[in-house]
Amino acid sequence: MRSLQPCTAVSEGNSESLILSYGCFWEILLEERLADKFKSSLKDNLESLHKNSTAHMIEKVKSNLKNAKMNKMMQDDNKEEALKYVAR
């Protein structure tokens, strides 16, 4: 199953939003004879799509959490935050 992808849109009038299953989306591409163009676009923009994906963001967060320097900074921040409540 594919996850929902957030997007932003601006409308000057009434608008509607809907959720399409991937199967329905693919059927529309086939009916409109746009499947090959879609595949080509995916190949051309693969790096950019990955860089902006949720999966890539999760990889970066996990990497940062494994980083000793980042981990120490987070622990220091937590200690300072805890001290604020103790000092009161």
C-alpha atoms as a PDB file:
ATOM      1  CA  MET A   1       0.000   0.000   0.000  1.00  0.00           C
ATOM      2  CA  ARG A   2       1.276   3.452  -0.832  1.00  0.00           C
ATOM      3  CA  SER A   3       1.130   6.235   1.708  1.00  0.00           C
ATOM      4  CA  LEU A   4      -0.620   9.543   1.219  1.00  0.00           C
ATOM      5  CA  GLN A   5       1.593  12.354   0.010  1.00  0.00           C
ATOM      6  CA  PRO A   6       1.028  15.830   1.414  1.00  0.00           C
ATOM      7  CA  CYS A   7       0.596  18.627  -1.074  1.00  0.00           C
ATOM      8  CA  THR A   8      -0.369  22.272  -1.130  1.00  0.00           C
ATOM      9  CA  ALA A   9      -2.747  24.023  -3.489  1.00  0.00           C
ATOM     10  CA  VAL A  10      -4.216  27.487  -3.828  1.00  0.00           C
ATOM     11  CA  SER A  11      -7.686  27.951  -5.252  1.00  0.00           C
ATOM     12  CA  GLU A  12      -9.448  31.140  -6.261  1.00  0.00           C
ATOM     13  CA  GLY A  13     -12.838  29.474  -6.258  1.00  0.00           C
ATOM     14  CA  ASN A  14     -14.519  26.305  -5.069  1.00  0.00           C
ATOM     15  CA  SER A  15     -12.364  23.227  -5.054  1.00  0.00           C
ATOM     16  CA  GLU A  16     -12.639  19.550  -4.253  1.00  0.00           C
ATOM     17  CA  SER A  17     -10.094  17.071  -3.037  1.00  0.00           C
ATOM     18  CA  LEU A  18     -10.240  13.319  -3.366  1.00  0.00           C
ATOM     19  CA  ILE A  19      -8.180  10.272  -2.608  1.00  0.00           C
ATOM     20  CA  LEU A  20      -7.363   7.895  -5.440  1.00  0.00           C
ATOM     21  CA  SER A  21      -6.090   4.390  -4.939  1.00  0.00           C
ATOM     22  CA  TYR A  22      -2.909   3.692  -6.853  1.00  0.00           C
ATOM     23  CA  GLY A  23      -4.774   1.146  -8.971  1.00  0.00           C
ATOM     24  CA  CYS A  24      -7.351   3.739 -10.037  1.00  0.00           C
ATOM     25  CA  PHE A  25      -4.621   6.279 -10.685  1.00  0.00           C
ATOM     26  CA  TRP A  26      -2.784   3.810 -12.910  1.00  0.00           C
ATOM     27  CA  GLU A  27      -5.989   2.947 -14.802  1.00  0.00           C
ATOM     28  CA  ILE A  28      -6.538   6.644 -15.534  1.00  0.00           C
ATOM     29  CA  LEU A  29      -2.963   6.948 -16.818  1.00  0.00           C
ATOM     30  CA  LEU A  30      -3.529   3.958 -19.101  1.00  0.00           C
ATOM     31  CA  GLU A  31      -6.882   5.274 -20.354  1.00  0.00           C
ATOM     32  CA  GLU A  32      -5.381   8.677 -21.115  1.00  0.00           C
ATOM     33  CA  ARG A  33      -2.269   7.062 -22.648  1.00  0.00           C
ATOM     34  CA  LEU A  34      -0.021   8.855 -20.168  1.00  0.00           C
ATOM     35  CA  ALA A  35       1.594   5.829 -18.481  1.00  0.00           C
ATOM     36  CA  ASP A  36       4.806   6.018 -20.532  1.00  0.00           C
ATOM     37  CA  LYS A  37       5.111   9.755 -19.930  1.00  0.00           C
ATOM     38  CA  PHE A  38       4.558   9.171 -16.193  1.00  0.00           C
ATOM     39  CA  LYS A  39       7.240   6.452 -16.061  1.00  0.00           C
ATOM     40  CA  SER A  40       9.660   8.689 -17.937  1.00  0.00           C
ATOM     41  CA  SER A  41       8.985  11.556 -15.555  1.00  0.00           C
ATOM     42  CA  LEU A  42       9.629   9.283 -12.575  1.00  0.00           C
ATOM     43  CA  LYS A  43      12.966   8.169 -14.023  1.00  0.00           C
ATOM     44  CA  ASP A  44      13.997  11.746 -14.819  1.00  0.00           C
ATOM     45  CA  ASN A  45      13.156  13.000 -11.317  1.00  0.00           C
ATOM     46  CA  LEU A  46      14.072   9.965  -9.224  1.00  0.00           C
ATOM     47  CA  GLU A  47      16.763  11.720  -7.157  1.00  0.00           C
ATOM     48  CA  SER A  48      14.585  14.743  -6.436  1.00  0.00           C
ATOM     49  CA  LEU A  49      11.599  12.560  -5.528  1.00  0.00           C
ATOM     50  CA  HIS A  50      13.714  10.517  -3.128  1.00  0.00           C
ATOM     51  CA  LYS A  51      15.277  13.606  -1.553  1.00  0.00           C
ATOM     52  CA  ASN A  52      11.787  14.991  -0.798  1.00  0.00           C
ATOM     53  CA  SER A  53      10.288  11.691   0.351  1.00  0.00           C
ATOM     54  CA  THR A  54       9.175  10.775   3.843  1.00  0.00           C
ATOM     55  CA  ALA A  55      11.450   7.724   3.692  1.00  0.00           C
ATOM     56  CA  HIS A  56      14.490   9.952   3.122  1.00  0.00           C
ATOM     57  CA  MET A  57      13.512  12.195   6.027  1.00  0.00           C
ATOM     58  CA  ILE A  58      13.212   9.146   8.298  1.00  0.00           C
ATOM     59  CA  GLU A  59      16.659   7.957   7.156  1.00  0.00           C
ATOM     60  CA  LYS A  60      18.119  11.374   8.031  1.00  0.00           C
ATOM     61  CA  VAL A  61      16.474  11.429  11.474  1.00  0.00           C
ATOM     62  CA  LYS A  62      17.737   7.913  12.239  1.00  0.00           C
ATOM     63  CA  SER A  63      21.214   8.905  11.080  1.00  0.00           C
ATOM     64  CA  ASN A  64      21.143  12.010  13.283  1.00  0.00           C
ATOM     65  CA  LEU A  65      20.026   9.960  16.269  1.00  0.00           C
ATOM     66  CA  LYS A  66      22.997   7.621  15.765  1.00  0.00           C
ATOM     67  CA  ASN A  67      25.361  10.593  15.580  1.00  0.00           C
ATOM     68  CA  ALA A  68      27.129  10.883  18.952  1.00  0.00           C
ATOM     69  CA  LYS A  69      27.506  14.675  18.757  1.00  0.00           C
ATOM     70  CA  MET A  70      23.798  15.174  17.984  1.00  0.00           C
ATOM     71  CA  ASN A  71      22.849  12.743  20.733  1.00  0.00           C
ATOM     72  CA  LYS A  72      24.969  14.658  23.279  1.00  0.00           C
ATOM     73  CA  MET A  73      23.431  17.977  22.200  1.00  0.00           C
ATOM     74  CA  MET A  74      19.941  16.556  22.669  1.00  0.00           C
ATOM     75  CA  GLN A  75      20.832  15.206  26.107  1.00  0.00           C
ATOM     76  CA  ASP A  76      22.297  18.592  27.117  1.00  0.00           C
ATOM     77  CA  ASP A  77      19.118  20.340  25.953  1.00  0.00           C
ATOM     78  CA  ASN A  78      16.998  17.890  27.952  1.00  0.00           C
ATOM     79  CA  LYS A  79      19.109  18.477  31.079  1.00  0.00           C
ATOM     80  CA  GLU A  80      18.756  22.247  30.730  1.00  0.00           C
ATOM     81  CA  GLU A  81      14.999  21.900  30.242  1.00  0.00           C
ATOM     82  CA  ALA A  82      14.736  19.671  33.325  1.00  0.00           C
ATOM     83  CA  LEU A  83      16.753  22.142  35.400  1.00  0.00           C
ATOM     84  CA  LYS A  84      14.290  24.920  34.564  1.00  0.00           C
ATOM     85  CA  TYR A  85      11.547  23.009  36.376  1.00  0.00           C
ATOM     86  CA  VAL A  86      13.749  22.025  39.332  1.00  0.00           C
ATOM     87  CA  ALA A  87      14.910  25.614  39.947  1.00  0.00           C
ATOM     88  CA  ARG A  88      11.334  26.876  40.445  1.00  0.00           C
END
